[in-house]
N, C-alpha and C. Protein backbone atom coordinates (compact mmCIF):
# COMPACT_ATOMS: atom_id res chain seq x y z
N MET A 1 -29.44 36.32 -35.54
CA MET A 1 -28.15 36.04 -34.92
C MET A 1 -28.10 36.77 -33.59
N SER A 2 -27.69 36.10 -32.52
CA SER A 2 -27.62 36.73 -31.21
C SER A 2 -26.47 37.71 -31.15
N SER A 3 -26.53 38.63 -30.15
CA SER A 3 -25.46 39.61 -30.02
C SER A 3 -24.14 38.93 -29.67
N THR A 4 -24.20 37.82 -28.92
CA THR A 4 -22.98 37.09 -28.60
C THR A 4 -22.34 36.56 -29.87
N SER A 5 -23.13 36.02 -30.77
CA SER A 5 -22.60 35.52 -32.04
C SER A 5 -22.02 36.65 -32.88
N LYS A 6 -22.70 37.78 -32.89
CA LYS A 6 -22.21 38.92 -33.65
C LYS A 6 -20.88 39.40 -33.10
N ASN A 7 -20.77 39.48 -31.76
CA ASN A 7 -19.53 39.92 -31.15
C ASN A 7 -18.40 38.95 -31.45
N HIS A 8 -18.67 37.66 -31.37
CA HIS A 8 -17.66 36.65 -31.66
C HIS A 8 -17.21 36.76 -33.11
N THR A 9 -18.16 36.94 -34.02
CA THR A 9 -17.84 37.09 -35.44
C THR A 9 -16.98 38.32 -35.67
N SER A 10 -17.32 39.44 -35.02
CA SER A 10 -16.57 40.68 -35.18
C SER A 10 -15.13 40.49 -34.74
N ARG A 11 -14.92 39.82 -33.62
CA ARG A 11 -13.57 39.62 -33.11
C ARG A 11 -12.78 38.72 -34.04
N ARG A 12 -13.41 37.66 -34.53
CA ARG A 12 -12.70 36.73 -35.41
C ARG A 12 -12.36 37.41 -36.72
N SER A 13 -13.30 38.15 -37.29
CA SER A 13 -13.05 38.79 -38.57
C SER A 13 -12.06 39.94 -38.44
N ALA A 14 -11.93 40.51 -37.25
CA ALA A 14 -10.98 41.60 -37.04
C ALA A 14 -9.56 41.08 -36.87
N ASN A 15 -9.39 39.77 -36.77
CA ASN A 15 -8.06 39.17 -36.63
C ASN A 15 -7.34 39.65 -35.37
N LEU A 16 -7.98 39.55 -34.24
CA LEU A 16 -7.40 40.01 -32.98
C LEU A 16 -6.63 38.89 -32.29
N THR A 17 -5.61 39.27 -31.53
CA THR A 17 -4.89 38.30 -30.71
C THR A 17 -5.77 37.90 -29.53
N GLU A 18 -5.35 36.92 -28.79
CA GLU A 18 -6.10 36.47 -27.61
C GLU A 18 -6.22 37.60 -26.60
N LYS A 19 -5.13 38.34 -26.38
CA LYS A 19 -5.13 39.46 -25.43
C LYS A 19 -6.08 40.56 -25.90
N GLN A 20 -6.06 40.88 -27.18
CA GLN A 20 -6.94 41.90 -27.73
C GLN A 20 -8.40 41.46 -27.64
N SER A 21 -8.65 40.19 -27.88
CA SER A 21 -10.02 39.67 -27.75
C SER A 21 -10.53 39.77 -26.32
N ARG A 22 -9.65 39.50 -25.34
CA ARG A 22 -10.03 39.64 -23.93
C ARG A 22 -10.39 41.08 -23.60
N ILE A 23 -9.58 42.02 -24.09
CA ILE A 23 -9.84 43.44 -23.84
C ILE A 23 -11.16 43.86 -24.48
N LEU A 24 -11.37 43.44 -25.73
CA LEU A 24 -12.60 43.79 -26.44
C LEU A 24 -13.82 43.20 -25.75
N GLU A 25 -13.72 41.96 -25.31
CA GLU A 25 -14.83 41.33 -24.61
C GLU A 25 -15.16 42.09 -23.32
N TYR A 26 -14.13 42.51 -22.60
CA TYR A 26 -14.31 43.30 -21.38
C TYR A 26 -15.07 44.59 -21.69
N ILE A 27 -14.67 45.26 -22.76
CA ILE A 27 -15.33 46.51 -23.15
C ILE A 27 -16.78 46.27 -23.52
N ILE A 28 -17.03 45.28 -24.36
CA ILE A 28 -18.39 44.99 -24.82
C ILE A 28 -19.31 44.64 -23.66
N GLU A 29 -18.80 43.88 -22.68
CA GLU A 29 -19.61 43.50 -21.53
C GLU A 29 -20.02 44.71 -20.69
N GLN A 30 -19.19 45.76 -20.66
CA GLN A 30 -19.46 46.90 -19.78
C GLN A 30 -19.95 48.15 -20.51
N LEU A 31 -19.97 48.11 -21.82
CA LEU A 31 -20.27 49.29 -22.62
C LEU A 31 -21.76 49.56 -22.75
N ASP A 32 -22.14 50.79 -22.43
CA ASP A 32 -23.47 51.28 -22.79
C ASP A 32 -23.30 51.85 -24.19
N GLU A 33 -24.09 52.82 -24.57
CA GLU A 33 -23.88 53.45 -25.88
C GLU A 33 -22.54 54.18 -25.90
N GLN A 34 -22.18 54.76 -24.76
CA GLN A 34 -20.90 55.46 -24.63
C GLN A 34 -20.43 55.29 -23.20
N SER A 35 -19.17 54.93 -23.02
CA SER A 35 -18.62 54.73 -21.69
C SER A 35 -17.18 55.23 -21.65
N PHE A 36 -16.71 55.49 -20.44
CA PHE A 36 -15.34 55.91 -20.23
C PHE A 36 -14.61 54.81 -19.47
N PHE A 37 -13.40 54.48 -19.92
CA PHE A 37 -12.60 53.43 -19.30
C PHE A 37 -11.22 53.98 -18.98
N LYS A 38 -10.74 53.76 -17.76
CA LYS A 38 -9.38 54.13 -17.40
C LYS A 38 -8.48 52.92 -17.64
N SER A 39 -7.37 53.15 -18.31
CA SER A 39 -6.45 52.06 -18.64
C SER A 39 -6.01 51.29 -17.40
N ARG A 40 -5.71 52.00 -16.32
CA ARG A 40 -5.18 51.31 -15.13
C ARG A 40 -6.23 50.40 -14.49
N TYR A 41 -7.50 50.80 -14.52
CA TYR A 41 -8.54 49.95 -13.94
C TYR A 41 -8.81 48.73 -14.82
N MET A 42 -8.78 48.95 -16.13
CA MET A 42 -8.92 47.82 -17.05
C MET A 42 -7.77 46.84 -16.84
N ALA A 43 -6.57 47.40 -16.68
CA ALA A 43 -5.37 46.58 -16.48
C ALA A 43 -5.50 45.72 -15.22
N GLU A 44 -5.98 46.34 -14.14
CA GLU A 44 -6.17 45.58 -12.89
C GLU A 44 -7.16 44.45 -13.09
N ASP A 45 -8.28 44.74 -13.74
CA ASP A 45 -9.32 43.74 -13.95
C ASP A 45 -8.87 42.60 -14.86
N LEU A 46 -8.00 42.91 -15.82
CA LEU A 46 -7.59 41.91 -16.81
C LEU A 46 -6.19 41.34 -16.54
N ASP A 47 -5.58 41.74 -15.42
CA ASP A 47 -4.24 41.28 -15.05
C ASP A 47 -3.21 41.59 -16.15
N LEU A 48 -3.27 42.83 -16.64
CA LEU A 48 -2.34 43.33 -17.64
C LEU A 48 -1.78 44.66 -17.12
N SER A 49 -0.80 45.22 -17.82
CA SER A 49 -0.31 46.55 -17.46
C SER A 49 -1.14 47.60 -18.19
N ALA A 50 -1.14 48.81 -17.65
CA ALA A 50 -1.85 49.92 -18.31
C ALA A 50 -1.26 50.17 -19.70
N LYS A 51 0.04 49.97 -19.84
CA LYS A 51 0.68 50.15 -21.14
C LYS A 51 0.17 49.12 -22.14
N GLU A 52 0.03 47.86 -21.70
CA GLU A 52 -0.52 46.82 -22.58
C GLU A 52 -1.93 47.17 -23.03
N ILE A 53 -2.72 47.71 -22.11
CA ILE A 53 -4.08 48.12 -22.46
C ILE A 53 -4.04 49.19 -23.54
N GLY A 54 -3.24 50.23 -23.32
CA GLY A 54 -3.16 51.33 -24.27
C GLY A 54 -2.70 50.91 -25.65
N VAL A 55 -1.65 50.12 -25.70
CA VAL A 55 -1.13 49.65 -26.99
C VAL A 55 -2.18 48.83 -27.72
N ASN A 56 -2.81 47.91 -27.00
CA ASN A 56 -3.80 47.03 -27.65
C ASN A 56 -5.10 47.75 -28.00
N LEU A 57 -5.50 48.75 -27.22
CA LEU A 57 -6.70 49.51 -27.59
C LEU A 57 -6.46 50.28 -28.88
N GLY A 58 -5.25 50.76 -29.07
CA GLY A 58 -4.91 51.42 -30.34
C GLY A 58 -5.08 50.48 -31.52
N ILE A 59 -4.63 49.25 -31.36
CA ILE A 59 -4.76 48.24 -32.42
C ILE A 59 -6.22 47.86 -32.63
N ILE A 60 -6.92 47.61 -31.53
CA ILE A 60 -8.34 47.24 -31.60
C ILE A 60 -9.14 48.33 -32.31
N SER A 61 -8.83 49.59 -32.00
CA SER A 61 -9.58 50.70 -32.60
C SER A 61 -9.44 50.73 -34.12
N GLU A 62 -8.33 50.25 -34.63
CA GLU A 62 -8.12 50.21 -36.08
C GLU A 62 -8.81 49.02 -36.74
N LYS A 63 -9.05 47.96 -35.97
CA LYS A 63 -9.57 46.72 -36.53
C LYS A 63 -11.07 46.51 -36.34
N VAL A 64 -11.66 47.18 -35.34
CA VAL A 64 -13.06 46.95 -35.01
C VAL A 64 -13.86 48.20 -35.38
N GLY A 65 -14.70 48.08 -36.39
CA GLY A 65 -15.43 49.23 -36.90
C GLY A 65 -16.71 49.57 -36.15
N GLU A 66 -17.17 48.72 -35.25
CA GLU A 66 -18.43 48.96 -34.55
C GLU A 66 -18.28 49.91 -33.38
N LEU A 67 -17.03 50.22 -33.01
CA LEU A 67 -16.77 51.07 -31.85
C LEU A 67 -15.86 52.23 -32.24
N ASP A 68 -16.08 53.37 -31.58
CA ASP A 68 -15.21 54.53 -31.78
C ASP A 68 -14.41 54.73 -30.50
N PHE A 69 -13.08 54.82 -30.63
CA PHE A 69 -12.19 54.96 -29.49
C PHE A 69 -11.58 56.37 -29.52
N GLU A 70 -11.69 57.08 -28.40
CA GLU A 70 -11.09 58.40 -28.29
C GLU A 70 -10.22 58.44 -27.02
N LYS A 71 -8.94 58.68 -27.22
CA LYS A 71 -8.00 58.72 -26.10
C LYS A 71 -8.05 60.10 -25.45
N TRP A 72 -8.22 60.11 -24.13
CA TRP A 72 -8.29 61.36 -23.39
C TRP A 72 -7.03 61.54 -22.55
N GLY A 73 -6.90 62.68 -21.89
CA GLY A 73 -5.71 63.12 -21.15
C GLY A 73 -5.02 62.09 -20.28
N LYS A 74 -3.80 62.44 -19.91
CA LYS A 74 -2.95 61.54 -19.15
C LYS A 74 -2.63 62.06 -17.75
N SER A 75 -3.33 63.07 -17.24
CA SER A 75 -2.98 63.66 -15.95
C SER A 75 -2.97 62.63 -14.82
N SER A 76 -3.95 61.77 -14.78
CA SER A 76 -3.97 60.71 -13.76
C SER A 76 -4.15 59.36 -14.45
N GLY A 77 -3.51 59.20 -15.59
CA GLY A 77 -3.63 57.98 -16.37
C GLY A 77 -4.53 58.22 -17.57
N THR A 78 -4.42 57.36 -18.53
CA THR A 78 -5.19 57.51 -19.76
C THR A 78 -6.63 57.04 -19.57
N THR A 79 -7.55 57.86 -20.04
CA THR A 79 -8.97 57.50 -20.07
C THR A 79 -9.37 57.36 -21.52
N TRP A 80 -10.16 56.34 -21.81
CA TRP A 80 -10.65 56.10 -23.16
C TRP A 80 -12.15 56.31 -23.19
N LYS A 81 -12.61 57.14 -24.11
CA LYS A 81 -14.04 57.31 -24.36
C LYS A 81 -14.37 56.36 -25.52
N ILE A 82 -15.23 55.40 -25.24
CA ILE A 82 -15.57 54.39 -26.25
C ILE A 82 -17.07 54.48 -26.52
N THR A 83 -17.40 54.61 -27.79
CA THR A 83 -18.79 54.79 -28.20
C THR A 83 -19.17 53.70 -29.18
N ARG A 84 -20.34 53.13 -28.95
CA ARG A 84 -20.88 52.14 -29.89
C ARG A 84 -21.47 52.90 -31.07
N LEU A 85 -21.00 52.60 -32.28
CA LEU A 85 -21.46 53.28 -33.48
C LEU A 85 -22.73 52.64 -34.02
N ASN A 86 -23.57 53.45 -34.63
CA ASN A 86 -24.73 52.92 -35.35
C ASN A 86 -24.22 52.28 -36.62
N ARG A 87 -24.94 51.32 -37.14
CA ARG A 87 -24.53 50.65 -38.39
C ARG A 87 -24.27 51.64 -39.50
N SER A 88 -25.09 52.68 -39.61
CA SER A 88 -24.93 53.65 -40.70
C SER A 88 -23.62 54.43 -40.57
N GLU A 89 -23.06 54.55 -39.35
CA GLU A 89 -21.83 55.28 -39.14
C GLU A 89 -20.60 54.45 -39.51
N THR A 90 -20.73 53.13 -39.61
CA THR A 90 -19.58 52.28 -39.89
C THR A 90 -19.36 52.09 -41.37
N HIS A 91 -20.27 52.54 -42.23
CA HIS A 91 -20.14 52.33 -43.68
C HIS A 91 -19.67 53.57 -44.37
């Protein structure tokens, strides 16, 4: 199964909204093993507000087990540390 098929399956099985699926797809396309994302930059790229990003990342983090989401400080906006988990870490 290709990684695109796996990602599509993960999103469908996680029961995400269209907006949440767009955010997750954005993350997956740019994610190395571990990456940092600022809510405001994601919002600009996806034509959403930083608040929409934050709210939906919280929901996505609960529904998608392949990624670990860690919310960092708010001094100049929220930064998210997102890490791709190994299969053994998701079980």
